[in-house]
Amino acid sequence: MKEKKFYPDYLAEIIFVSLIALELLVVIALLYPPPVGRQIDLTKSFQPLPEWYFLWIYQLIRYFPGNSIFVGAVIVPALALVALLLIPFVDKGENGRQKASVIFFGLFLIVAALTLLSQL
């Protein structure tokens, strides 16, 4: 009996099995296509909403209508981001850990409250 070598014996087997598996995957994908998107109910009015992680900004810009929308959409989230970026520097001082915790949980509660308010 001849000893099998990786090239060309095992390599040919690996390529053959890989192509069979790929062909099976393509056949299954063509036979059972996944549903795309959600079902549309044309009897209801369309109310566009952003994804859940942007709902707090969606609610925030409701408080800044008209020309001040830039403040609600850009300035306030940027200030929140700056507050988060400053937490390591606040943490260094006396009672720093408590101050940093207050900043973080305060921002967290504001974002959570705005997200919940957007669902009402």
N, C-alpha and C. Protein backbone atom coordinates (compact mmCIF):
# COMPACT_ATOMS: atom_id res chain seq x y z
N MET A 1 0.84 -1.18 0.00
CA MET A 1 0.00 0.00 0.00
C MET A 1 0.88 1.24 0.00
N LYS A 2 0.52 2.15 -0.85
CA LYS A 2 1.28 3.39 -1.02
C LYS A 2 0.90 4.38 0.08
N GLU A 3 1.91 5.03 0.66
CA GLU A 3 1.66 6.04 1.70
C GLU A 3 1.13 7.31 1.05
N LYS A 4 0.07 7.87 1.67
CA LYS A 4 -0.53 9.11 1.13
C LYS A 4 0.28 10.30 1.58
N LYS A 5 0.47 11.22 0.67
CA LYS A 5 1.14 12.47 0.98
C LYS A 5 0.10 13.58 0.99
N PHE A 6 0.43 14.67 1.68
CA PHE A 6 -0.52 15.78 1.71
C PHE A 6 -0.78 16.30 0.32
N TYR A 7 0.29 16.52 -0.44
CA TYR A 7 0.12 16.98 -1.81
C TYR A 7 0.50 15.85 -2.72
N PRO A 8 -0.31 15.42 -3.56
CA PRO A 8 -1.60 15.90 -4.03
C PRO A 8 -2.78 15.14 -3.43
N ASP A 9 -2.50 14.04 -2.65
CA ASP A 9 -3.59 13.15 -2.23
C ASP A 9 -4.57 13.83 -1.28
N TYR A 10 -4.11 14.24 -0.10
CA TYR A 10 -5.02 14.86 0.88
C TYR A 10 -5.57 16.19 0.39
N LEU A 11 -4.76 16.95 -0.31
CA LEU A 11 -5.22 18.24 -0.82
C LEU A 11 -6.38 18.06 -1.80
N ALA A 12 -6.31 17.06 -2.63
CA ALA A 12 -7.40 16.80 -3.57
C ALA A 12 -8.67 16.40 -2.82
N GLU A 13 -8.54 15.59 -1.76
CA GLU A 13 -9.71 15.21 -0.97
C GLU A 13 -10.32 16.43 -0.26
N ILE A 14 -9.47 17.27 0.29
CA ILE A 14 -9.96 18.46 1.00
C ILE A 14 -10.70 19.38 0.04
N ILE A 15 -10.13 19.60 -1.14
CA ILE A 15 -10.79 20.46 -2.13
C ILE A 15 -12.10 19.86 -2.58
N PHE A 16 -12.13 18.55 -2.80
CA PHE A 16 -13.36 17.88 -3.23
C PHE A 16 -14.46 18.01 -2.18
N VAL A 17 -14.16 17.75 -0.91
CA VAL A 17 -15.15 17.84 0.16
C VAL A 17 -15.59 19.29 0.35
N SER A 18 -14.66 20.24 0.23
CA SER A 18 -15.03 21.66 0.36
C SER A 18 -15.99 22.09 -0.74
N LEU A 19 -15.75 21.65 -1.96
CA LEU A 19 -16.64 22.01 -3.07
C LEU A 19 -18.01 21.36 -2.92
N ILE A 20 -18.07 20.13 -2.43
CA ILE A 20 -19.36 19.47 -2.18
C ILE A 20 -20.12 20.24 -1.10
N ALA A 21 -19.43 20.63 -0.01
CA ALA A 21 -20.08 21.37 1.07
C ALA A 21 -20.57 22.72 0.58
N LEU A 22 -19.79 23.39 -0.25
CA LEU A 22 -20.20 24.68 -0.80
C LEU A 22 -21.42 24.51 -1.70
N GLU A 23 -21.43 23.46 -2.51
CA GLU A 23 -22.57 23.21 -3.38
C GLU A 23 -23.83 22.92 -2.56
N LEU A 24 -23.72 22.14 -1.50
CA LEU A 24 -24.86 21.88 -0.63
C LEU A 24 -25.36 23.17 0.02
N LEU A 25 -24.44 24.02 0.44
CA LEU A 25 -24.83 25.28 1.05
C LEU A 25 -25.59 26.16 0.06
N VAL A 26 -25.13 26.22 -1.17
CA VAL A 26 -25.80 27.02 -2.19
C VAL A 26 -27.19 26.46 -2.49
N VAL A 27 -27.31 25.15 -2.58
CA VAL A 27 -28.61 24.54 -2.86
C VAL A 27 -29.58 24.81 -1.72
N ILE A 28 -29.13 24.67 -0.48
CA ILE A 28 -30.01 24.94 0.66
C ILE A 28 -30.40 26.41 0.71
N ALA A 29 -29.46 27.30 0.41
CA ALA A 29 -29.77 28.73 0.42
C ALA A 29 -30.77 29.09 -0.66
N LEU A 30 -30.72 28.42 -1.80
CA LEU A 30 -31.66 28.69 -2.88
C LEU A 30 -33.03 28.08 -2.60
N LEU A 31 -33.06 26.95 -1.93
CA LEU A 31 -34.34 26.31 -1.64
C LEU A 31 -35.09 26.99 -0.49
N TYR A 32 -34.36 27.49 0.49
CA TYR A 32 -34.97 28.11 1.67
C TYR A 32 -34.42 29.51 1.88
N PRO A 33 -34.86 30.47 1.08
CA PRO A 33 -34.33 31.84 1.25
C PRO A 33 -34.87 32.45 2.55
N PRO A 34 -34.05 33.25 3.22
CA PRO A 34 -34.51 33.88 4.47
C PRO A 34 -35.47 35.03 4.17
N PRO A 35 -36.40 35.30 5.08
CA PRO A 35 -37.28 36.46 4.87
C PRO A 35 -36.47 37.75 5.01
N VAL A 36 -36.74 38.69 4.14
CA VAL A 36 -36.00 39.94 4.15
C VAL A 36 -36.88 41.04 4.72
N GLY A 37 -36.40 41.69 5.78
CA GLY A 37 -37.14 42.80 6.37
C GLY A 37 -38.36 42.34 7.14
N ARG A 38 -39.19 43.27 7.51
CA ARG A 38 -40.40 42.95 8.25
C ARG A 38 -41.61 43.13 7.34
N GLN A 39 -42.70 42.50 7.73
CA GLN A 39 -43.92 42.60 6.94
C GLN A 39 -44.50 44.00 7.07
N ILE A 40 -44.96 44.55 5.98
CA ILE A 40 -45.50 45.90 5.97
C ILE A 40 -47.03 45.82 6.02
N ASP A 41 -47.60 46.55 6.97
CA ASP A 41 -49.05 46.64 7.09
C ASP A 41 -49.47 47.97 6.47
N LEU A 42 -50.06 47.92 5.29
CA LEU A 42 -50.41 49.14 4.57
C LEU A 42 -51.65 49.83 5.13
N THR A 43 -52.34 49.19 6.08
CA THR A 43 -53.53 49.82 6.65
C THR A 43 -53.18 50.82 7.75
N LYS A 44 -51.96 50.73 8.31
CA LYS A 44 -51.54 51.65 9.36
C LYS A 44 -50.70 52.77 8.77
N SER A 45 -50.72 53.93 9.45
CA SER A 45 -49.87 55.02 9.00
C SER A 45 -48.43 54.72 9.37
N PHE A 46 -47.51 55.16 8.55
CA PHE A 46 -46.09 54.86 8.73
C PHE A 46 -45.49 55.84 9.73
N GLN A 47 -44.87 55.32 10.78
CA GLN A 47 -44.20 56.13 11.79
C GLN A 47 -42.74 55.69 11.84
N PRO A 48 -41.85 56.40 11.15
CA PRO A 48 -40.45 55.97 11.13
C PRO A 48 -39.80 56.20 12.49
N LEU A 49 -39.04 55.23 12.95
CA LEU A 49 -38.30 55.32 14.20
C LEU A 49 -36.88 54.83 13.96
N PRO A 50 -35.92 55.44 14.63
CA PRO A 50 -34.56 54.94 14.52
C PRO A 50 -34.39 53.64 15.30
N GLU A 51 -33.24 53.03 15.18
CA GLU A 51 -32.95 51.83 15.95
C GLU A 51 -32.92 52.17 17.43
N TRP A 52 -33.00 51.16 18.28
CA TRP A 52 -33.15 51.37 19.71
C TRP A 52 -31.99 52.16 20.31
N TYR A 53 -30.78 52.01 19.78
CA TYR A 53 -29.63 52.67 20.37
C TYR A 53 -29.56 54.15 20.00
N PHE A 54 -30.42 54.62 19.09
CA PHE A 54 -30.48 56.04 18.77
C PHE A 54 -31.76 56.70 19.28
N LEU A 55 -32.59 55.96 19.98
CA LEU A 55 -33.86 56.51 20.44
C LEU A 55 -33.67 57.68 21.40
N TRP A 56 -32.62 57.68 22.19
CA TRP A 56 -32.41 58.78 23.14
C TRP A 56 -32.10 60.07 22.41
N ILE A 57 -31.37 60.00 21.30
CA ILE A 57 -31.10 61.21 20.52
C ILE A 57 -32.37 61.65 19.80
N TYR A 58 -33.16 60.69 19.35
CA TYR A 58 -34.44 60.99 18.71
C TYR A 58 -35.35 61.75 19.66
N GLN A 59 -35.38 61.32 20.92
CA GLN A 59 -36.18 62.02 21.92
C GLN A 59 -35.56 63.37 22.26
N LEU A 60 -34.25 63.44 22.31
CA LEU A 60 -33.56 64.69 22.66
C LEU A 60 -33.82 65.79 21.63
N ILE A 61 -33.85 65.44 20.36
CA ILE A 61 -34.08 66.48 19.35
C ILE A 61 -35.52 66.97 19.34
N ARG A 62 -36.43 66.24 19.98
CA ARG A 62 -37.79 66.75 20.14
C ARG A 62 -37.83 67.96 21.06
N TYR A 63 -36.87 68.04 21.98
CA TYR A 63 -36.82 69.17 22.91
C TYR A 63 -36.13 70.39 22.30
N PHE A 64 -35.52 70.23 21.14
CA PHE A 64 -34.84 71.33 20.45
C PHE A 64 -35.39 71.48 19.03
N PRO A 65 -36.59 72.02 18.88
CA PRO A 65 -37.19 72.10 17.54
C PRO A 65 -36.62 73.26 16.73
N GLY A 66 -36.86 73.21 15.43
CA GLY A 66 -36.51 74.32 14.54
C GLY A 66 -35.02 74.50 14.37
N ASN A 67 -34.58 75.76 14.49
CA ASN A 67 -33.18 76.09 14.25
C ASN A 67 -32.24 75.57 15.33
N SER A 68 -32.76 75.22 16.49
CA SER A 68 -31.90 74.74 17.58
C SER A 68 -31.71 73.22 17.56
N ILE A 69 -32.10 72.56 16.48
CA ILE A 69 -31.97 71.10 16.40
C ILE A 69 -30.50 70.68 16.43
N PHE A 70 -29.60 71.54 15.97
CA PHE A 70 -28.17 71.24 15.99
C PHE A 70 -27.68 71.05 17.43
N VAL A 71 -28.25 71.82 18.34
CA VAL A 71 -27.86 71.70 19.75
C VAL A 71 -28.25 70.32 20.28
N GLY A 72 -29.46 69.87 19.99
CA GLY A 72 -29.93 68.58 20.48
C GLY A 72 -29.30 67.40 19.78
N ALA A 73 -28.96 67.56 18.53
CA ALA A 73 -28.46 66.43 17.75
C ALA A 73 -26.94 66.30 17.80
N VAL A 74 -26.23 67.42 18.04
CA VAL A 74 -24.77 67.37 17.99
C VAL A 74 -24.12 67.84 19.29
N ILE A 75 -24.50 69.01 19.77
CA ILE A 75 -23.81 69.61 20.90
C ILE A 75 -24.02 68.81 22.19
N VAL A 76 -25.27 68.49 22.53
CA VAL A 76 -25.54 67.77 23.78
C VAL A 76 -24.91 66.37 23.77
N PRO A 77 -25.04 65.55 22.70
CA PRO A 77 -24.34 64.27 22.69
C PRO A 77 -22.82 64.42 22.74
N ALA A 78 -22.28 65.48 22.12
CA ALA A 78 -20.84 65.71 22.18
C ALA A 78 -20.40 66.04 23.61
N LEU A 79 -21.20 66.82 24.31
CA LEU A 79 -20.88 67.13 25.71
C LEU A 79 -20.95 65.87 26.58
N ALA A 80 -21.90 64.99 26.30
CA ALA A 80 -21.99 63.73 27.04
C ALA A 80 -20.75 62.87 26.76
N LEU A 81 -20.31 62.85 25.51
CA LEU A 81 -19.11 62.10 25.17
C LEU A 81 -17.87 62.69 25.85
N VAL A 82 -17.77 64.00 25.89
CA VAL A 82 -16.65 64.65 26.57
C VAL A 82 -16.68 64.31 28.06
N ALA A 83 -17.86 64.30 28.65
CA ALA A 83 -17.98 63.93 30.07
C ALA A 83 -17.50 62.50 30.30
N LEU A 84 -17.82 61.60 29.40
CA LEU A 84 -17.34 60.22 29.52
C LEU A 84 -15.83 60.13 29.34
N LEU A 85 -15.29 60.93 28.44
CA LEU A 85 -13.84 60.91 28.21
C LEU A 85 -13.07 61.53 29.36
N LEU A 86 -13.70 62.40 30.13
CA LEU A 86 -13.03 63.04 31.27
C LEU A 86 -13.09 62.20 32.54
N ILE A 87 -13.83 61.12 32.55
CA ILE A 87 -13.97 60.29 33.75
C ILE A 87 -12.61 59.80 34.28
N PRO A 88 -11.67 59.34 33.45
CA PRO A 88 -10.39 58.91 34.03
C PRO A 88 -9.64 60.03 34.75
N PHE A 89 -9.80 61.26 34.31
CA PHE A 89 -9.11 62.37 34.96
C PHE A 89 -9.81 62.78 36.25
N VAL A 90 -11.13 62.64 36.29
CA VAL A 90 -11.89 62.94 37.50
C VAL A 90 -11.60 61.87 38.55
N ASP A 91 -11.35 60.65 38.12
CA ASP A 91 -11.14 59.52 39.00
C ASP A 91 -9.84 59.64 39.81
N LYS A 92 -8.91 60.46 39.39
CA LYS A 92 -7.61 60.54 40.05
C LYS A 92 -7.63 61.33 41.35
N GLY A 93 -8.52 62.29 41.48
CA GLY A 93 -8.53 63.15 42.65
C GLY A 93 -9.10 62.48 43.89
N GLU A 94 -9.26 63.29 44.95
CA GLU A 94 -9.84 62.79 46.18
C GLU A 94 -11.33 62.50 45.95
N ASN A 95 -11.78 61.36 46.44
CA ASN A 95 -13.15 60.88 46.20
C ASN A 95 -13.45 60.81 44.70
N GLY A 96 -12.43 60.56 43.94
CA GLY A 96 -12.58 60.55 42.48
C GLY A 96 -13.47 59.44 41.98
N ARG A 97 -13.37 58.27 42.62
CA ARG A 97 -14.17 57.14 42.16
C ARG A 97 -15.66 57.44 42.33
N GLN A 98 -16.02 58.10 43.40
CA GLN A 98 -17.42 58.43 43.62
C GLN A 98 -17.89 59.48 42.63
N LYS A 99 -17.05 60.47 42.34
CA LYS A 99 -17.42 61.50 41.36
C LYS A 99 -17.58 60.88 39.98
N ALA A 100 -16.65 60.01 39.62
CA ALA A 100 -16.74 59.35 38.31
C ALA A 100 -17.99 58.49 38.21
N SER A 101 -18.31 57.80 39.30
CA SER A 101 -19.53 56.97 39.31
C SER A 101 -20.78 57.82 39.16
N VAL A 102 -20.79 58.98 39.83
CA VAL A 102 -21.95 59.87 39.71
C VAL A 102 -22.10 60.37 38.28
N ILE A 103 -20.98 60.74 37.64
CA ILE A 103 -21.03 61.21 36.25
C ILE A 103 -21.56 60.10 35.34
N PHE A 104 -20.99 58.90 35.49
CA PHE A 104 -21.40 57.81 34.61
C PHE A 104 -22.86 57.43 34.80
N PHE A 105 -23.26 57.22 36.05
CA PHE A 105 -24.64 56.80 36.29
C PHE A 105 -25.63 57.92 35.99
N GLY A 106 -25.21 59.16 36.16
CA GLY A 106 -26.07 60.28 35.76
C GLY A 106 -26.33 60.27 34.26
N LEU A 107 -25.25 60.11 33.47
CA LEU A 107 -25.42 60.04 32.02
C LEU A 107 -26.22 58.80 31.62
N PHE A 108 -25.97 57.70 32.31
CA PHE A 108 -26.70 56.48 32.00
C PHE A 108 -28.20 56.65 32.26
N LEU A 109 -28.54 57.25 33.39
CA LEU A 109 -29.95 57.46 33.71
C LEU A 109 -30.61 58.42 32.73
N ILE A 110 -29.89 59.45 32.31
CA ILE A 110 -30.45 60.40 31.34
C ILE A 110 -30.73 59.69 30.02
N VAL A 111 -29.77 58.90 29.54
CA VAL A 111 -29.96 58.18 28.28
C VAL A 111 -31.10 57.16 28.40
N ALA A 112 -31.16 56.45 29.54
CA ALA A 112 -32.24 55.47 29.74
C ALA A 112 -33.59 56.15 29.80
N ALA A 113 -33.66 57.28 30.49
CA ALA A 113 -34.94 58.01 30.60
C ALA A 113 -35.38 58.53 29.24
N LEU A 114 -34.45 59.08 28.48
CA LEU A 114 -34.81 59.59 27.15
C LEU A 114 -35.25 58.44 26.23
N THR A 115 -34.60 57.29 26.35
CA THR A 115 -35.00 56.14 25.53
C THR A 115 -36.40 55.67 25.89
N LEU A 116 -36.70 55.61 27.18
CA LEU A 116 -38.04 55.20 27.59
C LEU A 116 -39.10 56.24 27.21
N LEU A 117 -38.75 57.52 27.32
CA LEU A 117 -39.70 58.56 26.94
C LEU A 117 -40.01 58.53 25.45
N SER A 118 -39.06 58.11 24.64
CA SER A 118 -39.30 58.08 23.19
C SER A 118 -40.30 56.99 22.82
N GLN A 119 -40.51 56.02 23.68
CA GLN A 119 -41.46 54.94 23.40
C GLN A 119 -42.88 55.29 23.79
N LEU A 120 -43.07 56.39 24.50
CA LEU A 120 -44.43 56.78 24.92
C LEU A 120 -45.18 57.49 23.83
